[in-house]
Protein backbone atom coordinates (compact mmCIF):
# COMPACT_ATOMS: atom_id res chain seq x y z
CA MET A 1 0.00 0.00 0.00
CA GLN A 2 1.36 3.41 -0.94
CA GLY A 3 0.68 6.61 0.94
CA THR A 4 -0.91 9.81 -0.27
CA PHE A 5 1.07 12.90 0.56
CA ARG A 6 0.11 16.53 0.94
CA PHE A 7 2.12 19.04 2.90
CA SER A 8 1.57 21.61 5.64
CA PHE A 9 3.58 23.95 7.82
CA GLY A 10 2.89 26.62 10.41
CA PRO A 11 3.37 30.38 10.10
CA TRP A 12 6.05 30.10 12.82
CA ASN A 13 8.20 28.21 10.30
CA ILE A 14 8.73 31.53 8.51
CA HIS A 15 10.41 33.49 11.25
CA GLU A 16 12.94 36.15 12.16
CA GLY A 17 15.81 33.88 13.21
CA ALA A 18 15.83 34.22 16.97
CA ASP A 19 17.16 31.16 18.78
CA PRO A 20 17.69 30.25 22.46
CA PHE A 21 20.95 32.16 22.42
CA GLY A 22 20.37 35.23 20.28
CA PRO A 23 17.86 37.84 19.04
CA GLU A 24 16.02 38.21 15.72
CA VAL A 25 18.16 38.72 12.60
CA ARG A 26 15.56 39.07 9.81
CA LYS A 27 12.56 41.25 9.09
CA SER A 28 9.09 40.04 10.03
CA ILE A 29 6.75 38.91 7.26
CA PRO A 30 3.05 39.76 7.79
CA PHE A 31 0.74 36.80 8.34
CA ASN A 32 -1.31 37.34 5.17
CA GLU A 33 1.89 37.53 3.14
CA LYS A 34 3.01 34.23 4.62
CA LEU A 35 -0.21 32.62 3.38
CA GLU A 36 0.64 33.72 -0.15
CA TYR A 37 3.80 31.61 -0.06
CA TYR A 38 2.08 28.30 0.76
CA LYS A 39 0.86 27.40 -2.72
CA LYS A 40 4.00 28.80 -4.34
CA LEU A 41 6.09 26.39 -2.26
CA GLY A 42 3.82 23.41 -2.94
CA PHE A 43 1.94 23.36 0.37
CA ASP A 44 -1.82 23.06 0.87
CA GLY A 45 -2.25 22.94 4.65
CA VAL A 46 -1.71 25.44 7.45
CA GLN A 47 -0.93 24.52 11.04
CA PHE A 48 -2.07 27.00 13.68
CA HIS A 49 -1.55 27.85 17.29
CA ASP A 50 -4.70 29.34 18.75
CA ASP A 51 -3.14 32.82 18.83
CA ASP A 52 -1.80 32.46 15.29
CA ALA A 53 -5.42 32.20 14.21
CA VAL A 54 -6.71 34.86 16.60
CA PRO A 55 -3.98 37.15 17.95
CA ASP A 56 -4.28 38.53 21.49
CA LEU A 57 -7.16 36.17 22.19
CA ASN A 58 -6.87 36.52 25.98
CA ASN A 59 -8.15 40.10 25.63
CA LYS A 60 -11.08 39.29 23.34
CA THR A 61 -14.61 38.13 23.99
CA HIS A 62 -15.79 34.76 22.79
CA GLU A 63 -17.86 36.48 20.12
CA GLN A 64 -14.84 38.44 18.87
CA ILE A 65 -12.73 35.28 18.76
CA ILE A 66 -15.30 33.36 16.71
CA LYS A 67 -15.80 36.34 14.39
CA GLU A 68 -12.06 36.59 13.66
CA ALA A 69 -11.71 32.84 13.24
CA THR A 70 -14.62 32.78 10.79
CA GLU A 71 -13.01 35.62 8.82
CA LEU A 72 -9.75 33.65 8.76
CA LYS A 73 -11.58 30.65 7.28
CA LYS A 74 -12.63 32.87 4.37
CA VAL A 75 -9.03 34.01 3.87
CA LEU A 76 -7.85 30.40 3.82
CA ASP A 77 -10.55 29.53 1.29
CA ASP A 78 -9.47 32.44 -0.90
CA HIS A 79 -5.91 31.10 -0.90
CA GLY A 80 -7.06 27.52 -1.55
CA LEU A 81 -5.66 26.42 1.80
CA VAL A 82 -6.91 24.07 4.52
CA ALA A 83 -6.32 24.29 8.28
CA GLU A 84 -4.70 21.06 9.49
CA PHE A 85 -4.97 21.67 13.24
CA VAL A 86 -5.06 24.23 16.02
CA ALA A 87 -2.86 23.95 19.12
CA PRO A 88 -3.33 25.96 22.34
CA ARG A 89 -0.13 27.90 23.01
CA LEU A 90 -0.33 27.30 26.74
CA TRP A 91 3.41 27.31 27.42
CA MET A 92 3.85 31.03 26.69
CA ASP A 93 1.23 32.41 29.07
CA PRO A 94 2.01 33.64 32.62
CA HIS A 95 -0.81 31.43 33.92
CA THR A 96 1.14 28.33 32.87
CA ILE A 97 4.51 28.93 34.52
CA ASP A 98 3.85 25.82 36.64
CA GLY A 99 2.07 23.99 33.85
CA GLY A 100 -1.54 24.38 32.75
CA PHE A 101 -3.60 21.26 33.38
CA THR A 102 -1.17 20.07 36.08
CA SER A 103 -0.56 23.42 37.75
CA ASN A 104 -0.74 23.47 41.55
CA CYS A 105 -2.89 26.61 41.23
CA PRO A 106 -6.63 25.90 40.71
CA LYS A 107 -7.17 29.21 38.89
CA CYS A 108 -4.33 28.42 36.48
CA ARG A 109 -5.81 24.98 35.79
CA GLU A 110 -9.14 26.63 35.08
CA TYR A 111 -7.44 29.05 32.68
CA ALA A 112 -5.83 26.15 30.78
CA LEU A 113 -9.12 24.27 30.48
CA ASN A 114 -10.94 27.37 29.23
CA ARG A 115 -8.22 28.04 26.68
CA LEU A 116 -8.50 24.47 25.46
CA LYS A 117 -12.22 25.02 24.94
CA THR A 118 -11.46 28.20 23.02
CA THR A 119 -9.01 26.27 20.86
CA ALA A 120 -11.74 23.78 20.01
CA ASP A 121 -14.05 26.65 19.06
CA ILE A 122 -11.38 28.20 16.82
CA ALA A 123 -10.70 24.83 15.19
CA SER A 124 -14.37 24.39 14.35
CA ALA A 125 -14.61 27.92 12.97
CA ILE A 126 -11.66 27.48 10.60
CA GLY A 127 -12.60 23.95 9.53
CA ALA A 128 -9.98 21.92 11.42
CA LYS A 129 -11.00 18.64 13.04
CA ASN A 130 -7.79 18.22 15.02
CA ILE A 131 -6.34 19.81 18.13
CA VAL A 132 -2.66 19.27 18.90
CA LEU A 133 -1.63 19.13 22.54
CA TRP A 134 2.03 19.70 23.19
CA LEU A 135 2.10 19.23 26.97
CA ALA A 136 5.06 21.58 27.17
CA ARG A 137 5.14 22.73 30.78
CA GLU A 138 3.16 19.79 32.11
CA GLY A 139 5.97 18.49 34.24
CA THR A 140 8.29 19.59 37.01
CA TYR A 141 11.68 21.09 37.74
CA ILE A 142 11.49 19.69 41.27
CA ARG A 143 10.07 16.18 41.14
CA GLU A 144 8.51 16.40 44.60
CA SER A 145 6.50 19.48 43.61
CA LYS A 146 3.78 17.44 41.88
CA ASP A 147 2.27 14.02 42.44
CA PRO A 148 2.57 12.07 39.15
CA VAL A 149 -0.68 10.18 39.68
CA THR A 150 -2.66 13.35 40.26
CA ALA A 151 -0.92 15.06 37.34
CA THR A 152 -1.73 12.22 34.95
CA GLU A 153 -5.34 12.19 36.11
CA ARG A 154 -5.62 15.94 35.55
CA ILE A 155 -4.34 15.59 31.99
CA GLY A 156 -6.85 12.81 31.44
CA GLU A 157 -9.62 15.05 32.78
CA ALA A 158 -8.57 17.82 30.38
CA LEU A 159 -8.77 15.38 27.47
CA GLN A 160 -12.19 14.18 28.57
CA MET A 161 -13.39 17.75 28.99
CA VAL A 162 -12.54 18.82 25.43
CA LEU A 163 -13.84 15.56 23.94
CA ASP A 164 -17.16 16.17 25.69
CA TYR A 165 -17.13 19.86 24.80
CA ASN A 166 -16.82 19.23 21.06
CA LYS A 167 -17.96 15.83 19.82
CA ASP A 168 -16.41 16.35 16.38
CA ILE A 169 -12.89 17.22 17.50
CA ARG A 170 -9.93 14.84 17.75
CA VAL A 171 -6.90 15.37 19.98
CA MET A 172 -3.37 14.62 18.83
CA ILE A 173 -0.84 14.53 21.67
CA GLU A 174 2.67 15.62 20.69
CA SER A 175 5.06 14.10 23.19
CA LYS A 176 8.42 15.75 23.76
CA PRO A 177 10.51 14.10 26.46
CA ASN A 178 13.23 16.71 26.52
CA GLU A 179 11.82 20.24 26.61
CA PRO A 180 11.13 22.62 28.17
CA VAL A 181 10.78 21.25 31.72
CA ASP A 182 13.24 18.97 33.46
CA HIS A 183 10.81 16.10 34.06
CA ALA A 184 7.95 15.89 31.54
CA PHE A 185 4.66 14.13 32.10
CA ILE A 186 3.49 11.98 29.15
CA PRO A 187 6.99 12.06 27.61
CA THR A 188 6.67 9.38 24.90
CA ILE A 189 4.29 8.31 22.18
CA GLY A 190 3.45 5.21 24.20
CA HIS A 191 2.33 7.48 27.04
CA ALA A 192 0.33 9.60 24.59
CA ILE A 193 -1.55 6.64 23.12
CA ALA A 194 -2.29 5.29 26.59
CA MET A 195 -3.84 8.62 27.63
CA GLY A 196 -6.74 7.93 25.31
CA LEU A 197 -7.66 4.97 27.50
CA MET A 198 -8.37 7.41 30.34
CA THR A 199 -11.25 8.84 28.31
CA ASN A 200 -14.55 7.43 27.10
CA ALA A 201 -13.55 8.18 23.48
CA PRO A 202 -10.08 6.65 22.93
CA ASP A 203 -10.83 6.54 19.20
CA ARG A 204 -10.56 10.35 19.19
CA VAL A 205 -7.16 10.54 20.89
CA GLY A 206 -4.10 10.00 18.73
CA CYS A 207 -0.65 11.43 18.34
CA LEU A 208 1.73 13.59 16.34
CA ILE A 209 5.39 12.56 16.10
CA GLU A 210 8.21 15.03 15.52
CA SER A 211 11.47 13.69 14.11
CA ALA A 212 13.76 15.94 16.14
CA HIS A 213 12.25 15.03 19.48
CA ALA A 214 12.67 11.33 18.85
CA ILE A 215 16.30 12.01 17.93
CA LEU A 216 16.81 14.20 21.00
CA ALA A 217 15.64 11.27 23.14
CA ASN A 218 18.11 9.00 21.29
CA LEU A 219 15.21 7.19 19.61
CA CYS A 220 14.67 6.29 15.96
CA PRO A 221 11.91 8.46 14.41
CA SER A 222 10.82 5.81 11.91
CA GLU A 223 10.42 3.23 14.68
CA GLU A 224 8.39 5.68 16.75
CA MET A 225 6.19 6.27 13.70
CA GLY A 226 5.91 2.54 13.16
CA PHE A 227 4.75 2.02 16.73
CA ALA A 228 2.03 4.64 16.31
CA LEU A 229 1.03 3.30 12.88
CA ALA A 230 0.62 -0.19 14.35
CA HIS A 231 -1.84 1.29 16.84
CA LYS A 232 -3.64 3.31 14.10
CA LYS A 233 -2.77 6.44 16.06
CA LEU A 234 -0.34 8.33 13.84
CA TRP A 235 -2.52 11.23 12.75
CA SER A 236 0.19 13.76 11.93
CA VAL A 237 3.95 14.18 11.74
CA HIS A 238 6.42 17.02 12.11
CA LEU A 239 9.33 16.10 9.89
CA ASN A 240 12.66 17.82 10.42
CA ASP A 241 16.22 16.90 11.34
CA GLN A 242 18.55 17.29 14.26
CA ASN A 243 22.33 17.45 14.57
CA GLY A 244 22.75 15.26 17.62
CA LEU A 245 21.66 15.70 21.21
CA LYS A 246 21.67 19.49 21.24
CA PHE A 247 18.94 22.09 21.59
CA ASP A 248 15.85 21.70 19.39
CA GLN A 249 17.18 22.69 15.95
CA ASP A 250 14.28 21.84 13.59
CA GLN A 251 16.66 21.59 10.66
CA THR A 252 15.64 20.98 7.06
CA PHE A 253 14.27 17.44 6.69
CA GLY A 254 17.07 15.05 5.72
CA MET A 255 19.74 17.70 6.13
CA VAL A 256 21.79 15.77 8.70
CA ASP A 257 20.97 12.12 8.04
CA PRO A 258 19.32 11.37 4.68
CA ARG A 259 19.12 7.65 5.43
CA ARG A 260 17.28 8.29 8.68
CA ALA A 261 14.96 10.53 6.68
CA LEU A 262 14.53 7.82 4.02
CA ASN A 263 13.35 5.37 6.65
CA GLN A 264 10.74 7.84 7.87
CA VAL A 265 9.46 8.36 4.33
CA ARG A 266 9.51 4.62 3.71
CA VAL A 267 7.53 3.58 6.79
CA LEU A 268 4.90 6.23 6.09
CA ASP A 269 4.55 5.24 2.44
CA LYS A 270 4.66 1.50 3.03
CA HIS A 271 1.81 1.67 5.53
CA GLY A 272 -0.52 3.97 3.66
CA TYR A 273 -0.02 7.15 5.64
CA GLY A 274 -2.12 9.97 4.24
CA ASN A 275 -4.80 7.76 2.72
CA ASN A 276 -7.17 8.80 5.52
CA GLY A 277 -6.38 12.49 5.14
CA GLU A 278 -3.26 12.76 7.30
CA TRP A 279 -0.78 15.51 6.42
CA ILE A 280 2.98 15.64 6.11
CA GLY A 281 3.78 18.52 8.42
CA LEU A 282 7.21 20.09 8.07
CA ASP A 283 8.27 21.78 11.29
CA VAL A 284 11.53 23.27 10.09
CA LYS A 285 13.32 26.49 10.96
CA VAL A 286 15.34 28.58 8.55
CA LEU A 287 19.02 28.78 9.42
CA ARG A 288 19.86 31.82 11.50
CA THR A 289 22.54 32.74 8.95
CA GLN A 290 20.11 32.82 6.00
CA LYS A 291 19.41 36.22 4.39
CA ASP A 292 15.93 37.73 4.14
CA ASP A 293 15.58 37.22 0.39
CA VAL A 294 16.30 33.46 0.61
CA CYS A 295 14.63 32.66 3.92
CA LEU A 296 12.06 30.17 2.56
CA LYS A 297 14.38 27.58 1.06
CA HIS A 298 14.19 25.37 4.16
CA LEU A 299 10.51 24.75 3.42
CA GLU A 300 10.97 24.31 -0.31
CA TYR A 301 13.86 21.88 0.07
CA SER A 302 12.32 19.88 2.93
CA ARG A 303 9.41 19.07 0.65
CA LYS A 304 11.72 18.32 -2.30
CA ILE A 305 13.90 16.04 -0.17
CA PHE A 306 10.82 14.14 1.01
CA LEU A 307 9.65 13.61 -2.55
CA ARG A 308 13.12 12.63 -3.79
CA LEU A 309 13.46 10.08 -0.97
CA LEU A 310 9.99 8.81 -1.84
CA GLU A 311 11.19 8.17 -5.40
CA ILE A 312 14.20 6.26 -4.08
CA SER A 313 12.08 4.20 -1.70
CA ARG A 314 9.58 3.30 -4.40
CA SER A 315 12.41 2.31 -6.75
CA PHE A 316 13.50 -0.52 -4.45
CA ASP A 317 12.87 -4.07 -5.57
CA ASP A 318 10.83 -5.42 -2.66
CA ALA A 319 11.39 -9.00 -3.77
CA LYS A 320 15.15 -8.39 -3.71
CA ILE A 321 14.93 -6.94 -0.21
CA GLU A 322 12.87 -9.90 0.99
CA GLU A 323 15.41 -12.28 -0.52
CA LEU A 324 18.27 -10.60 1.34
CA ILE A 325 16.28 -10.61 4.56
CA GLY A 326 15.43 -14.28 4.05
CA THR A 327 19.08 -15.24 3.61
CA ARG A 328 20.10 -12.93 6.44
CA ASP A 329 22.59 -11.14 4.22
CA TYR A 330 22.25 -7.80 5.95
CA GLU A 331 25.55 -6.40 4.63
CA GLU A 332 24.24 -6.86 1.11
CA LEU A 333 20.96 -5.25 2.15
CA ASN A 334 22.91 -2.34 3.60
CA TRP A 335 24.82 -1.92 0.34
CA TYR A 336 21.59 -2.19 -1.70
CA ILE A 337 20.08 0.74 0.22
CA LEU A 338 23.24 2.85 0.18
CA ASP A 339 23.91 2.17 -3.49
CA ALA A 340 20.45 3.46 -4.38
CA MET A 341 20.98 6.59 -2.29
CA LEU A 342 24.45 7.33 -3.67
CA LYS A 343 23.56 7.11 -7.36
């Protein structure tokens, strides 16, 4: 079975070049201008944080939020674009210094739950059926500061709340074991999939896997994807690359390790990813050293690299591979793969 591939990225993937260690180095590009680049670069889907869709939403009424989200849907339609998902940007708000759903402050937990409801409303207004939950600050710096049982239950209650609040929405948990808190709750895709079992609608809880965060945990991205595919829970991906166990780099897909990238493409294609409407999300950052007039090449080339690797993967003789596996001639298999990549 072959996959069906269409591509998305978020407006944050066109950015000014700030990193954890330095300020912005490029000019800002207005949001509407960013939308104009999507089709030119070969992309059809837009990923949103809640405040990408509706800026300054904390200071707006519910009616204002829905009005702006509905207007955004019209803009997307005019550009021929589709919203893939909306994610609550909980980790940036002062209410969530100690986490949102797992905060030790009841008022802060209430804020996080209300913002999750608002995210569901925005998603419905712009035509997205998926919410992404990156449980960024849901963890601890001091392990004794939170009880892990209570914390897990509170995350489960948040999931149940939004599933009850909007019966059409699905939740994709994006696990990141290595940022930004010292000890993260729900750090792996296995944890994420299990969280659905704490709700009465596990069929509406899935996951999103990001390449770099598997690599940062010294895991293999394609194997993580395979695990989720086996459970029918891989509903989105964030493809990128990572130069070792450093800070989150979000480099151009395949930039560091093309073979590792090939295996991600191959497992997705081999198991029919995209045939149920899933997107290939590219969560890549332009190099800090890139000039303003060439600051979109990371998106263009990530997509091109994916498609080139797809060609290579589909060129393999599956019978030949099975023969080498059957005779346990793995060195020959290794050469067969490398020879195809080096031509």
